[in-house]
């Protein structure tokens, strides 16, 4: 796999790691009885950058974490999404960076091993995505879609966080309709 502006293979580096993930569209969230570790996530996609500011609030413990993430896309289809770098922040650092212009995305994330399930808040309510991450290409290619999966959307740019943060409700409803999903309007 090559990077977006070079012919060199993507590889883990000193600061960035290769991100391998597959995403699946679900018709509905899993039963709460099988989901573990629910947390509220607010992502701020900083305008004009490849940077994401993330706030995570763990519902059970009340613990919070703050991260600044850079994602450099691979520019190729498939589970190798590109390179990802995370920096953990203090709350004060998060608050300072939170003043920058951004598109905001809110979701609840729960774990139903081996996937994370994202249940989106307004205006994207009705959207449910499952995501699995992998250490190797082999793991990614041998993964079976999770139960309740309607379609794999790994290579559909509409279902990336940065794009979803800028999506209007009417757009989302049209996309979901393509897959036969009709959430409450």
C-alpha atoms as a PDB file:
ATOM      1  CA  UNK A   1       0.000   0.000   0.000  1.00  0.00           C
ATOM      2  CA  UNK A   2       1.400   3.376  -0.868  1.00  0.00           C
ATOM      3  CA  UNK A   3       0.910   6.776   0.655  1.00  0.00           C
ATOM      4  CA  UNK A   4      -1.198   9.476  -1.011  1.00  0.00           C
ATOM      5  CA  UNK A   5       1.737  11.431  -2.393  1.00  0.00           C
ATOM      6  CA  UNK A   6       4.518   8.881  -2.678  1.00  0.00           C
ATOM      7  CA  UNK A   7       5.245   5.393  -3.895  1.00  0.00           C
ATOM      8  CA  UNK A   8       6.627   4.276  -0.550  1.00  0.00           C
ATOM      9  CA  UNK A   9       4.679   1.647   1.412  1.00  0.00           C
ATOM     10  CA  UNK A  10       2.737   2.803   4.444  1.00  0.00           C
ATOM     11  CA  UNK A  11       4.489   1.555   7.549  1.00  0.00           C
ATOM     12  CA  UNK A  12       4.480   2.154  11.253  1.00  0.00           C
ATOM     13  CA  UNK A  13       6.857   4.901  12.232  1.00  0.00           C
ATOM     14  CA  UNK A  14       8.228   6.543  15.295  1.00  0.00           C
ATOM     15  CA  UNK A  15       5.093   8.647  15.808  1.00  0.00           C
ATOM     16  CA  UNK A  16       2.400   7.300  13.471  1.00  0.00           C
ATOM     17  CA  UNK A  17       1.006   3.809  13.108  1.00  0.00           C
ATOM     18  CA  UNK A  18      -0.813   2.149  10.233  1.00  0.00           C
ATOM     19  CA  UNK A  19      -4.553   2.158  10.829  1.00  0.00           C
ATOM     20  CA  UNK A  20      -6.427  -0.897   9.575  1.00  0.00           C
ATOM     21  CA  UNK A  21     -10.175  -0.889  10.021  1.00  0.00           C
ATOM     22  CA  UNK A  22     -13.377  -2.049   8.406  1.00  0.00           C
ATOM     23  CA  UNK A  23     -16.761  -0.344   8.861  1.00  0.00           C
ATOM     24  CA  UNK A  24     -20.249  -1.816   8.567  1.00  0.00           C
ATOM     25  CA  UNK A  25     -23.679  -0.220   8.427  1.00  0.00           C
ATOM     26  CA  UNK A  26     -26.178  -1.705  10.885  1.00  0.00           C
ATOM     27  CA  UNK A  27     -29.970  -1.368  10.751  1.00  0.00           C
ATOM     28  CA  UNK A  28     -30.204  -0.866  14.519  1.00  0.00           C
ATOM     29  CA  UNK A  29     -28.086  -0.780  17.658  1.00  0.00           C
ATOM     30  CA  UNK A  30     -27.336  -4.027  19.481  1.00  0.00           C
ATOM     31  CA  UNK A  31     -29.300  -4.823  22.640  1.00  0.00           C
ATOM     32  CA  UNK A  32     -27.874  -2.870  25.569  1.00  0.00           C
ATOM     33  CA  UNK A  33     -27.543  -6.144  27.491  1.00  0.00           C
ATOM     34  CA  UNK A  34     -24.664  -7.297  25.255  1.00  0.00           C
ATOM     35  CA  UNK A  35     -22.897  -3.930  24.837  1.00  0.00           C
ATOM     36  CA  UNK A  36     -20.084  -3.116  27.254  1.00  0.00           C
ATOM     37  CA  UNK A  37     -18.267   0.069  28.196  1.00  0.00           C
ATOM     38  CA  UNK A  38     -20.597   2.704  26.751  1.00  0.00           C
ATOM     39  CA  UNK A  39     -18.989   6.101  26.337  1.00  0.00           C
ATOM     40  CA  UNK A  40     -20.059   9.414  24.882  1.00  0.00           C
ATOM     41  CA  UNK A  41     -17.709  10.718  22.174  1.00  0.00           C
ATOM     42  CA  UNK A  42     -17.618  14.248  20.809  1.00  0.00           C
ATOM     43  CA  UNK A  43     -15.364  14.733  17.808  1.00  0.00           C
ATOM     44  CA  UNK A  44     -14.369  18.161  16.521  1.00  0.00           C
ATOM     45  CA  UNK A  45     -12.931  18.016  12.983  1.00  0.00           C
ATOM     46  CA  UNK A  46     -10.791  21.148  12.867  1.00  0.00           C
ATOM     47  CA  UNK A  47     -11.594  23.227   9.809  1.00  0.00           C
ATOM     48  CA  UNK A  48      -8.989  23.165   7.048  1.00  0.00           C
ATOM     49  CA  UNK A  49      -6.877  20.401   8.661  1.00  0.00           C
ATOM     50  CA  UNK A  50      -6.585  16.621   8.970  1.00  0.00           C
ATOM     51  CA  UNK A  51      -6.903  16.988  12.734  1.00  0.00           C
ATOM     52  CA  UNK A  52      -9.618  15.681  15.040  1.00  0.00           C
ATOM     53  CA  UNK A  53     -10.091  16.794  18.621  1.00  0.00           C
ATOM     54  CA  UNK A  54     -11.855  14.098  20.672  1.00  0.00           C
ATOM     55  CA  UNK A  55     -13.535  14.142  24.063  1.00  0.00           C
ATOM     56  CA  UNK A  56     -14.527  10.769  25.555  1.00  0.00           C
ATOM     57  CA  UNK A  57     -16.728  10.422  28.635  1.00  0.00           C
ATOM     58  CA  UNK A  58     -16.996   6.902  30.064  1.00  0.00           C
ATOM     59  CA  UNK A  59     -20.552   6.491  31.289  1.00  0.00           C
ATOM     60  CA  UNK A  60     -19.880   3.917  34.000  1.00  0.00           C
ATOM     61  CA  UNK A  61     -16.918   5.585  35.722  1.00  0.00           C
ATOM     62  CA  UNK A  62     -17.321   9.210  34.694  1.00  0.00           C
ATOM     63  CA  UNK A  63     -13.676   9.213  33.562  1.00  0.00           C
ATOM     64  CA  UNK A  64     -12.820  11.538  30.687  1.00  0.00           C
ATOM     65  CA  UNK A  65     -10.057  11.536  28.115  1.00  0.00           C
ATOM     66  CA  UNK A  66      -9.000  14.085  25.526  1.00  0.00           C
ATOM     67  CA  UNK A  67      -7.047  13.450  22.322  1.00  0.00           C
ATOM     68  CA  UNK A  68      -5.766  15.267  19.287  1.00  0.00           C
ATOM     69  CA  UNK A  69      -5.562  12.923  16.293  1.00  0.00           C
ATOM     70  CA  UNK A  70      -4.089  13.286  12.843  1.00  0.00           C
ATOM     71  CA  UNK A  71      -5.201  10.876  10.144  1.00  0.00           C
ATOM     72  CA  UNK A  72      -3.263  10.763   6.887  1.00  0.00           C
ATOM     73  CA  UNK A  73      -5.371   8.724   4.443  1.00  0.00           C
ATOM     74  CA  UNK A  74      -3.787   6.057   2.261  1.00  0.00           C
ATOM     75  CA  UNK A  75      -5.778   7.180  -0.770  1.00  0.00           C
ATOM     76  CA  UNK A  76      -6.451   3.533  -1.628  1.00  0.00           C
ATOM     77  CA  UNK A  77      -9.469   1.272  -1.108  1.00  0.00           C
ATOM     78  CA  UNK A  78      -9.430  -1.462   1.505  1.00  0.00           C
ATOM     79  CA  UNK A  79      -8.882  -1.800   5.237  1.00  0.00           C
ATOM     80  CA  UNK A  80      -5.551   0.073   5.359  1.00  0.00           C
ATOM     81  CA  UNK A  81      -6.980   3.512   6.020  1.00  0.00           C
ATOM     82  CA  UNK A  82      -3.652   5.314   6.330  1.00  0.00           C
ATOM     83  CA  UNK A  83      -1.495   6.577   9.164  1.00  0.00           C
ATOM     84  CA  UNK A  84      -2.826   7.721  12.520  1.00  0.00           C
ATOM     85  CA  UNK A  85      -1.107   9.696  15.271  1.00  0.00           C
ATOM     86  CA  UNK A  86      -2.677  10.420  18.678  1.00  0.00           C
ATOM     87  CA  UNK A  87      -1.636  12.929  21.303  1.00  0.00           C
ATOM     88  CA  UNK A  88      -3.288  12.751  24.723  1.00  0.00           C
ATOM     89  CA  UNK A  89      -4.252  16.156  26.119  1.00  0.00           C
ATOM     90  CA  UNK A  90      -5.119  17.694  29.454  1.00  0.00           C
ATOM     91  CA  UNK A  91      -8.613  19.131  29.796  1.00  0.00           C
ATOM     92  CA  UNK A  92      -7.151  22.654  29.686  1.00  0.00           C
ATOM     93  CA  UNK A  93      -5.328  21.862  26.423  1.00  0.00           C
ATOM     94  CA  UNK A  94      -8.534  20.394  24.991  1.00  0.00           C
ATOM     95  CA  UNK A  95     -10.498  23.484  26.016  1.00  0.00           C
ATOM     96  CA  UNK A  96      -7.939  25.771  24.358  1.00  0.00           C
ATOM     97  CA  UNK A  97      -7.965  23.802  21.079  1.00  0.00           C
ATOM     98  CA  UNK A  98     -11.753  23.506  21.320  1.00  0.00           C
ATOM     99  CA  UNK A  99     -12.053  27.196  20.483  1.00  0.00           C
ATOM    100  CA  UNK A 100     -10.834  26.537  16.921  1.00  0.00           C
ATOM    101  CA  UNK A 101     -13.470  26.329  14.157  1.00  0.00           C
ATOM    102  CA  UNK A 102     -14.642  22.767  13.636  1.00  0.00           C
ATOM    103  CA  UNK A 103     -17.424  20.495  12.442  1.00  0.00           C
ATOM    104  CA  UNK A 104     -18.808  18.529  15.392  1.00  0.00           C
ATOM    105  CA  UNK A 105     -19.969  14.916  15.542  1.00  0.00           C
ATOM    106  CA  UNK A 106     -21.527  13.239  18.606  1.00  0.00           C
ATOM    107  CA  UNK A 107     -22.023   9.544  19.166  1.00  0.00           C
ATOM    108  CA  UNK A 108     -22.299   6.877  21.818  1.00  0.00           C
ATOM    109  CA  UNK A 109     -19.805   4.050  21.450  1.00  0.00           C
ATOM    110  CA  UNK A 110     -20.248   0.607  22.961  1.00  0.00           C
ATOM    111  CA  UNK A 111     -18.168  -2.508  22.528  1.00  0.00           C
ATOM    112  CA  UNK A 112     -19.677  -5.758  21.308  1.00  0.00           C
ATOM    113  CA  UNK A 113     -16.524  -7.822  20.821  1.00  0.00           C
ATOM    114  CA  UNK A 114     -14.866  -7.842  18.401  1.00  0.00           C
ATOM    115  CA  UNK A 115     -16.400  -4.562  17.136  1.00  0.00           C
ATOM    116  CA  UNK A 116     -17.107  -1.069  18.393  1.00  0.00           C
ATOM    117  CA  UNK A 117     -20.642   0.131  17.727  1.00  0.00           C
ATOM    118  CA  UNK A 118     -21.251   3.851  17.144  1.00  0.00           C
ATOM    119  CA  UNK A 119     -24.794   5.134  17.659  1.00  0.00           C
ATOM    120  CA  UNK A 120     -25.012   8.687  16.383  1.00  0.00           C
ATOM    121  CA  UNK A 121     -26.835  11.591  17.970  1.00  0.00           C
ATOM    122  CA  UNK A 122     -28.831  14.295  16.194  1.00  0.00           C
ATOM    123  CA  UNK A 123     -28.839  15.225  13.399  1.00  0.00           C
ATOM    124  CA  UNK A 124     -27.529  11.768  12.457  1.00  0.00           C
ATOM    125  CA  UNK A 125     -29.823   9.766  14.745  1.00  0.00           C
ATOM    126  CA  UNK A 126     -30.725   6.473  13.122  1.00  0.00           C
ATOM    127  CA  UNK A 127     -27.174   5.897  11.890  1.00  0.00           C
ATOM    128  CA  UNK A 128     -25.433   2.917  13.496  1.00  0.00           C
ATOM    129  CA  UNK A 129     -21.951   1.838  12.405  1.00  0.00           C
ATOM    130  CA  UNK A 130     -19.822  -1.091  13.538  1.00  0.00           C
ATOM    131  CA  UNK A 131     -16.064  -0.800  13.246  1.00  0.00           C
ATOM    132  CA  UNK A 132     -13.327  -3.372  13.695  1.00  0.00           C
ATOM    133  CA  UNK A 133      -9.596  -2.604  13.914  1.00  0.00           C
ATOM    134  CA  UNK A 134      -6.796  -4.980  12.999  1.00  0.00           C
ATOM    135  CA  UNK A 135      -3.079  -5.412  13.620  1.00  0.00           C
ATOM    136  CA  UNK A 136      -2.382  -7.141  10.296  1.00  0.00           C
ATOM    137  CA  UNK A 137      -3.690  -7.208   6.727  1.00  0.00           C
ATOM    138  CA  UNK A 138      -4.484 -10.908   7.145  1.00  0.00           C
ATOM    139  CA  UNK A 139      -6.701 -10.265  10.157  1.00  0.00           C
ATOM    140  CA  UNK A 140      -8.542  -7.551   8.243  1.00  0.00           C
ATOM    141  CA  UNK A 141      -9.151  -9.669   5.154  1.00  0.00           C
ATOM    142  CA  UNK A 142     -10.378 -12.722   7.107  1.00  0.00           C
ATOM    143  CA  UNK A 143     -12.834 -10.777   9.303  1.00  0.00           C
ATOM    144  CA  UNK A 144     -16.499 -11.703   8.915  1.00  0.00           C
ATOM    145  CA  UNK A 145     -19.146  -8.943   9.052  1.00  0.00           C
ATOM    146  CA  UNK A 146     -20.840  -8.619  12.437  1.00  0.00           C
ATOM    147  CA  UNK A 147     -24.404  -9.871  12.997  1.00  0.00           C
ATOM    148  CA  UNK A 148     -27.000  -7.377  11.808  1.00  0.00           C
ATOM    149  CA  UNK A 149     -24.677  -5.905   9.199  1.00  0.00           C
ATOM    150  CA  UNK A 150     -26.530  -4.424   6.229  1.00  0.00           C
ATOM    151  CA  UNK A 151     -23.474  -3.451   4.159  1.00  0.00           C
ATOM    152  CA  UNK A 152     -19.755  -2.901   4.426  1.00  0.00           C
ATOM    153  CA  UNK A 153     -19.022   0.828   4.071  1.00  0.00           C
ATOM    154  CA  UNK A 154     -15.253   0.760   4.583  1.00  0.00           C
ATOM    155  CA  UNK A 155     -14.646   2.313   1.164  1.00  0.00           C
ATOM    156  CA  UNK A 156     -17.707   4.589   1.136  1.00  0.00           C
ATOM    157  CA  UNK A 157     -16.394   8.103   1.878  1.00  0.00           C
ATOM    158  CA  UNK A 158     -19.848   9.199   3.082  1.00  0.00           C
ATOM    159  CA  UNK A 159     -19.377   7.120   6.234  1.00  0.00           C
ATOM    160  CA  UNK A 160     -16.107   8.617   7.457  1.00  0.00           C
ATOM    161  CA  UNK A 161     -16.167  10.745  10.584  1.00  0.00           C
ATOM    162  CA  UNK A 162     -14.982  13.906   8.836  1.00  0.00           C
ATOM    163  CA  UNK A 163     -17.703  13.612   6.201  1.00  0.00           C
ATOM    164  CA  UNK A 164     -20.429  12.682   8.687  1.00  0.00           C
ATOM    165  CA  UNK A 165     -19.600  15.752  10.788  1.00  0.00           C
ATOM    166  CA  UNK A 166     -20.632  17.863   7.782  1.00  0.00           C
ATOM    167  CA  UNK A 167     -23.697  15.829   6.790  1.00  0.00           C
ATOM    168  CA  UNK A 168     -27.203  17.252   6.877  1.00  0.00           C
ATOM    169  CA  UNK A 169     -30.112  15.134   8.116  1.00  0.00           C
ATOM    170  CA  UNK A 170     -31.746  15.050   4.664  1.00  0.00           C
ATOM    171  CA  UNK A 171     -28.517  13.717   3.104  1.00  0.00           C
ATOM    172  CA  UNK A 172     -28.223  10.984   5.732  1.00  0.00           C
ATOM    173  CA  UNK A 173     -31.830   9.885   5.248  1.00  0.00           C
ATOM    174  CA  UNK A 174     -31.246   9.565   1.490  1.00  0.00           C
ATOM    175  CA  UNK A 175     -28.091   7.500   2.061  1.00  0.00           C
ATOM    176  CA  UNK A 176     -29.799   5.185   4.543  1.00  0.00           C
ATOM    177  CA  UNK A 177     -32.739   4.782   2.178  1.00  0.00           C
ATOM    178  CA  UNK A 178     -30.303   3.400  -0.431  1.00  0.00           C
ATOM    179  CA  UNK A 179     -29.607   0.571   2.017  1.00  0.00           C
ATOM    180  CA  UNK A 180     -33.277   0.039   2.949  1.00  0.00           C
ATOM    181  CA  UNK A 181     -32.921   1.652   6.381  1.00  0.00           C
ATOM    182  CA  UNK A 182     -35.770   3.971   7.319  1.00  0.00           C
ATOM    183  CA  UNK A 183     -35.111   5.628  10.695  1.00  0.00           C
ATOM    184  CA  UNK A 184     -37.593   7.956  12.358  1.00  0.00           C
ATOM    185  CA  UNK A 185     -37.567  11.285  10.595  1.00  0.00           C
END
